[in-house]
């Protein structure tokens, strides 16, 4: 059985998902009152012992390298998508699938 992880990128920081042990499955954007607030990327995990890099975008801070185990994971993509769509409340709180 495969395991999947949810990664989040905002205007403050970027979670690096380009990794040889991660395979991007889908990407969604969260829009709040017409402004993109975050991007959610669902990735299939090939190696659970990897570390994920988080880079500052608007704020200057050193790259942070975090073990994958601290990120939210699921056995199915559908469970993660369901969680993402909990933010899709109305026209002011919208989830848009990007890929």
N, C-alpha and C. Protein backbone atom coordinates (compact mmCIF):
# COMPACT_ATOMS: atom_id res chain seq x y z
N UNK A 1 0.84 -1.18 0.00
CA UNK A 1 0.00 0.00 0.00
C UNK A 1 0.89 1.25 0.00
N UNK A 2 0.50 2.23 -0.77
CA UNK A 2 1.25 3.49 -0.86
C UNK A 2 0.83 4.43 0.25
N UNK A 3 1.72 5.34 0.56
CA UNK A 3 1.40 6.38 1.53
C UNK A 3 1.59 7.72 0.85
N UNK A 4 0.74 8.69 1.21
CA UNK A 4 0.75 10.00 0.59
C UNK A 4 0.92 11.07 1.66
N UNK A 5 1.50 12.20 1.27
CA UNK A 5 1.77 13.29 2.19
C UNK A 5 1.21 14.59 1.61
N UNK A 6 0.78 15.48 2.49
CA UNK A 6 0.27 16.79 2.10
C UNK A 6 1.32 17.84 2.43
N UNK A 7 1.73 18.60 1.42
CA UNK A 7 2.71 19.67 1.58
C UNK A 7 2.01 21.01 1.31
N UNK A 8 2.39 22.03 2.05
CA UNK A 8 1.77 23.35 1.89
C UNK A 8 2.83 24.39 1.59
N UNK A 9 2.51 25.28 0.65
CA UNK A 9 3.36 26.42 0.31
C UNK A 9 2.50 27.68 0.44
N UNK A 10 3.06 28.73 1.05
CA UNK A 10 2.36 30.00 1.19
C UNK A 10 3.23 31.10 0.59
N UNK A 11 2.78 32.34 0.72
CA UNK A 11 3.61 33.44 0.22
C UNK A 11 4.80 33.69 1.15
N UNK A 12 4.78 33.16 2.35
CA UNK A 12 5.89 33.31 3.31
C UNK A 12 6.97 32.26 3.11
N UNK A 13 6.56 31.02 2.79
CA UNK A 13 7.54 29.94 2.66
C UNK A 13 7.13 28.97 1.55
N UNK A 14 8.12 28.24 1.06
CA UNK A 14 7.89 27.25 0.00
C UNK A 14 8.41 25.90 0.49
N UNK A 15 7.54 24.90 0.44
CA UNK A 15 7.94 23.54 0.77
C UNK A 15 8.43 22.89 -0.52
N UNK A 16 9.66 22.44 -0.53
CA UNK A 16 10.28 21.88 -1.74
C UNK A 16 9.75 20.46 -1.95
N UNK A 17 9.03 20.27 -3.04
CA UNK A 17 8.46 18.95 -3.35
C UNK A 17 9.21 18.26 -4.49
N UNK A 18 10.17 18.96 -5.09
CA UNK A 18 11.00 18.34 -6.13
C UNK A 18 12.06 17.50 -5.44
N UNK A 19 11.76 16.24 -5.29
CA UNK A 19 12.63 15.32 -4.55
C UNK A 19 12.55 13.96 -5.23
N UNK A 20 13.66 13.26 -5.35
CA UNK A 20 13.63 11.96 -6.05
C UNK A 20 12.77 10.91 -5.35
N UNK A 21 12.44 11.09 -4.07
CA UNK A 21 11.64 10.11 -3.35
C UNK A 21 10.21 10.56 -3.12
N UNK A 22 9.80 11.63 -3.84
CA UNK A 22 8.42 12.10 -3.81
C UNK A 22 7.90 12.20 -5.24
N UNK A 23 6.66 11.79 -5.43
CA UNK A 23 6.02 11.90 -6.74
C UNK A 23 4.77 12.76 -6.58
N UNK A 24 4.74 13.91 -7.25
CA UNK A 24 3.56 14.79 -7.17
C UNK A 24 2.36 14.09 -7.79
N UNK A 25 1.25 14.11 -7.06
CA UNK A 25 0.02 13.46 -7.51
C UNK A 25 -1.01 14.51 -7.92
N UNK A 26 -1.16 15.56 -7.12
CA UNK A 26 -2.15 16.60 -7.41
C UNK A 26 -1.76 17.88 -6.69
N UNK A 27 -2.28 18.99 -7.20
CA UNK A 27 -1.99 20.29 -6.60
C UNK A 27 -3.27 21.11 -6.56
N UNK A 28 -3.50 21.78 -5.44
CA UNK A 28 -4.69 22.60 -5.23
C UNK A 28 -4.26 23.95 -4.68
N UNK A 29 -5.04 24.98 -5.00
CA UNK A 29 -4.80 26.31 -4.45
C UNK A 29 -5.98 26.68 -3.56
N UNK A 30 -5.68 27.37 -2.47
CA UNK A 30 -6.72 27.90 -1.59
C UNK A 30 -6.79 29.40 -1.81
N UNK A 31 -7.96 29.89 -2.19
CA UNK A 31 -8.20 31.32 -2.43
C UNK A 31 -9.14 31.86 -1.36
N UNK A 32 -8.76 33.00 -0.78
CA UNK A 32 -9.56 33.66 0.25
C UNK A 32 -9.85 35.07 -0.24
N UNK A 33 -11.12 35.35 -0.48
CA UNK A 33 -11.56 36.63 -1.03
C UNK A 33 -10.77 37.00 -2.29
N UNK A 34 -10.60 36.03 -3.17
CA UNK A 34 -9.96 36.25 -4.46
C UNK A 34 -8.44 36.23 -4.46
N UNK A 35 -7.83 36.11 -3.29
CA UNK A 35 -6.36 36.11 -3.22
C UNK A 35 -5.88 34.68 -2.91
N UNK A 36 -4.88 34.23 -3.67
CA UNK A 36 -4.32 32.91 -3.41
C UNK A 36 -3.54 32.97 -2.10
N UNK A 37 -3.94 32.12 -1.15
CA UNK A 37 -3.31 32.11 0.17
C UNK A 37 -2.28 30.98 0.31
N UNK A 38 -2.56 29.84 -0.33
CA UNK A 38 -1.64 28.72 -0.21
C UNK A 38 -1.84 27.73 -1.35
N UNK A 39 -0.82 26.90 -1.53
CA UNK A 39 -0.88 25.81 -2.50
C UNK A 39 -0.66 24.52 -1.74
N UNK A 40 -1.54 23.56 -1.96
CA UNK A 40 -1.43 22.24 -1.34
C UNK A 40 -0.98 21.26 -2.41
N UNK A 41 0.08 20.52 -2.11
CA UNK A 41 0.59 19.52 -3.04
C UNK A 41 0.51 18.16 -2.36
N UNK A 42 -0.12 17.22 -3.04
CA UNK A 42 -0.19 15.84 -2.56
C UNK A 42 0.90 15.06 -3.27
N UNK A 43 1.73 14.36 -2.50
CA UNK A 43 2.84 13.58 -3.06
C UNK A 43 2.77 12.14 -2.58
N UNK A 44 3.13 11.25 -3.47
CA UNK A 44 3.29 9.84 -3.11
C UNK A 44 4.69 9.66 -2.55
N UNK A 45 4.81 8.96 -1.43
CA UNK A 45 6.09 8.78 -0.74
C UNK A 45 6.76 7.50 -1.23
N UNK A 46 8.00 7.63 -1.70
CA UNK A 46 8.78 6.47 -2.12
C UNK A 46 9.73 6.02 -1.01
N UNK A 47 10.14 6.96 -0.15
CA UNK A 47 11.05 6.64 0.96
C UNK A 47 10.62 7.44 2.18
N UNK A 48 10.09 6.80 3.21
CA UNK A 48 9.59 7.53 4.38
C UNK A 48 10.68 8.15 5.25
N UNK A 49 11.94 7.86 4.98
CA UNK A 49 13.03 8.39 5.80
C UNK A 49 13.65 9.67 5.25
N UNK A 50 13.03 10.27 4.23
CA UNK A 50 13.59 11.50 3.65
C UNK A 50 13.33 12.70 4.54
N UNK A 51 14.01 13.78 4.21
CA UNK A 51 13.82 15.05 4.89
C UNK A 51 13.35 16.06 3.85
N UNK A 52 12.47 16.96 4.26
CA UNK A 52 11.86 17.95 3.38
C UNK A 52 12.44 19.33 3.70
N UNK A 53 12.76 20.08 2.65
CA UNK A 53 13.32 21.43 2.82
C UNK A 53 12.21 22.47 2.71
N UNK A 54 12.23 23.41 3.63
CA UNK A 54 11.31 24.56 3.60
C UNK A 54 12.17 25.80 3.44
N UNK A 55 11.86 26.60 2.41
CA UNK A 55 12.64 27.80 2.09
C UNK A 55 11.79 29.05 2.34
N UNK A 56 12.42 30.07 2.88
CA UNK A 56 11.74 31.35 3.06
C UNK A 56 11.52 32.03 1.73
N UNK A 57 10.37 32.65 1.56
CA UNK A 57 10.07 33.38 0.33
C UNK A 57 9.98 34.86 0.65
N UNK A 58 8.98 35.26 1.43
CA UNK A 58 8.84 36.67 1.81
C UNK A 58 9.67 37.01 3.04
N UNK A 59 9.91 36.03 3.86
CA UNK A 59 10.73 36.23 5.05
C UNK A 59 12.08 35.58 4.81
N UNK A 60 13.10 36.20 5.32
CA UNK A 60 14.43 35.63 5.17
C UNK A 60 14.72 34.80 6.41
N UNK A 61 14.83 33.51 6.20
CA UNK A 61 15.26 32.62 7.26
C UNK A 61 16.02 31.48 6.62
N UNK A 62 16.90 30.84 7.39
CA UNK A 62 17.68 29.75 6.81
C UNK A 62 16.76 28.61 6.38
N UNK A 63 17.17 27.89 5.34
CA UNK A 63 16.40 26.72 4.92
C UNK A 63 16.24 25.79 6.11
N UNK A 64 15.04 25.27 6.25
CA UNK A 64 14.73 24.36 7.34
C UNK A 64 14.53 22.97 6.75
N UNK A 65 15.25 21.99 7.23
CA UNK A 65 15.14 20.62 6.73
C UNK A 65 14.48 19.78 7.81
N UNK A 66 13.29 19.25 7.47
CA UNK A 66 12.43 18.59 8.45
C UNK A 66 12.20 17.14 8.05
N UNK A 67 12.18 16.21 9.01
CA UNK A 67 11.86 14.83 8.68
C UNK A 67 10.43 14.71 8.14
N UNK A 68 10.25 13.86 7.18
CA UNK A 68 8.94 13.65 6.56
C UNK A 68 7.89 13.23 7.59
N UNK A 69 8.30 12.57 8.66
CA UNK A 69 7.35 12.03 9.63
C UNK A 69 6.49 13.10 10.30
N UNK A 70 6.88 14.37 10.26
CA UNK A 70 6.08 15.42 10.91
C UNK A 70 4.97 15.97 10.02
N UNK A 71 4.96 15.60 8.75
CA UNK A 71 3.94 16.07 7.82
C UNK A 71 2.71 15.18 7.88
N UNK A 72 1.51 15.74 7.61
CA UNK A 72 0.30 14.92 7.61
C UNK A 72 0.31 13.93 6.45
N UNK A 73 0.05 12.67 6.78
CA UNK A 73 0.08 11.60 5.78
C UNK A 73 -1.23 10.84 5.78
N UNK A 74 -1.45 10.08 4.70
CA UNK A 74 -2.65 9.26 4.58
C UNK A 74 -2.35 8.08 3.69
N UNK A 75 -3.15 7.04 3.82
CA UNK A 75 -3.02 5.87 2.96
C UNK A 75 -3.66 6.09 1.60
N UNK A 76 -4.54 7.09 1.49
CA UNK A 76 -5.22 7.34 0.22
C UNK A 76 -5.18 8.82 -0.15
N UNK A 77 -5.15 9.08 -1.43
CA UNK A 77 -5.22 10.45 -1.94
C UNK A 77 -6.59 11.05 -1.62
N UNK A 78 -7.62 10.23 -1.71
CA UNK A 78 -8.99 10.71 -1.49
C UNK A 78 -9.17 11.30 -0.09
N UNK A 79 -8.54 10.69 0.92
CA UNK A 79 -8.65 11.23 2.28
C UNK A 79 -8.02 12.62 2.38
N UNK A 80 -6.90 12.82 1.71
CA UNK A 80 -6.24 14.13 1.73
C UNK A 80 -7.07 15.16 0.98
N UNK A 81 -7.61 14.76 -0.17
CA UNK A 81 -8.45 15.68 -0.95
C UNK A 81 -9.67 16.10 -0.14
N UNK A 82 -10.28 15.15 0.55
CA UNK A 82 -11.44 15.46 1.40
C UNK A 82 -11.06 16.50 2.46
N UNK A 83 -9.89 16.35 3.05
CA UNK A 83 -9.42 17.30 4.06
C UNK A 83 -9.20 18.69 3.44
N UNK A 84 -8.60 18.73 2.27
CA UNK A 84 -8.37 20.01 1.58
C UNK A 84 -9.70 20.72 1.32
N UNK A 85 -10.69 19.97 0.83
CA UNK A 85 -11.97 20.57 0.47
C UNK A 85 -12.80 21.02 1.68
N UNK A 86 -12.35 20.73 2.89
CA UNK A 86 -13.02 21.28 4.06
C UNK A 86 -12.89 22.80 4.11
N UNK A 87 -11.91 23.36 3.37
CA UNK A 87 -11.73 24.82 3.29
C UNK A 87 -12.63 25.44 2.23
N UNK A 88 -13.23 24.64 1.38
CA UNK A 88 -14.06 25.12 0.27
C UNK A 88 -15.47 25.39 0.79
N UNK A 89 -15.66 26.56 1.40
CA UNK A 89 -16.91 26.85 2.08
C UNK A 89 -17.91 27.62 1.24
N UNK A 90 -17.43 28.60 0.49
CA UNK A 90 -18.30 29.47 -0.28
C UNK A 90 -17.45 30.20 -1.32
N UNK A 91 -17.99 31.24 -1.93
CA UNK A 91 -17.25 31.97 -2.97
C UNK A 91 -16.03 32.71 -2.41
N UNK A 92 -16.03 33.02 -1.12
CA UNK A 92 -14.89 33.71 -0.52
C UNK A 92 -13.79 32.75 -0.07
N UNK A 93 -14.12 31.51 0.14
CA UNK A 93 -13.17 30.47 0.56
C UNK A 93 -13.23 29.35 -0.47
N UNK A 94 -12.34 29.38 -1.45
CA UNK A 94 -12.41 28.47 -2.59
C UNK A 94 -11.16 27.61 -2.71
N UNK A 95 -11.37 26.36 -3.06
CA UNK A 95 -10.29 25.45 -3.43
C UNK A 95 -10.35 25.26 -4.93
N UNK A 96 -9.21 25.40 -5.60
CA UNK A 96 -9.13 25.25 -7.06
C UNK A 96 -8.07 24.20 -7.36
N UNK A 97 -8.46 23.15 -8.10
CA UNK A 97 -7.47 22.15 -8.50
C UNK A 97 -6.63 22.72 -9.64
N UNK A 98 -5.30 22.63 -9.48
CA UNK A 98 -4.37 23.16 -10.46
C UNK A 98 -3.85 22.05 -11.37
N UNK A 99 -3.54 20.90 -10.78
CA UNK A 99 -3.08 19.76 -11.57
C UNK A 99 -3.48 18.47 -10.92
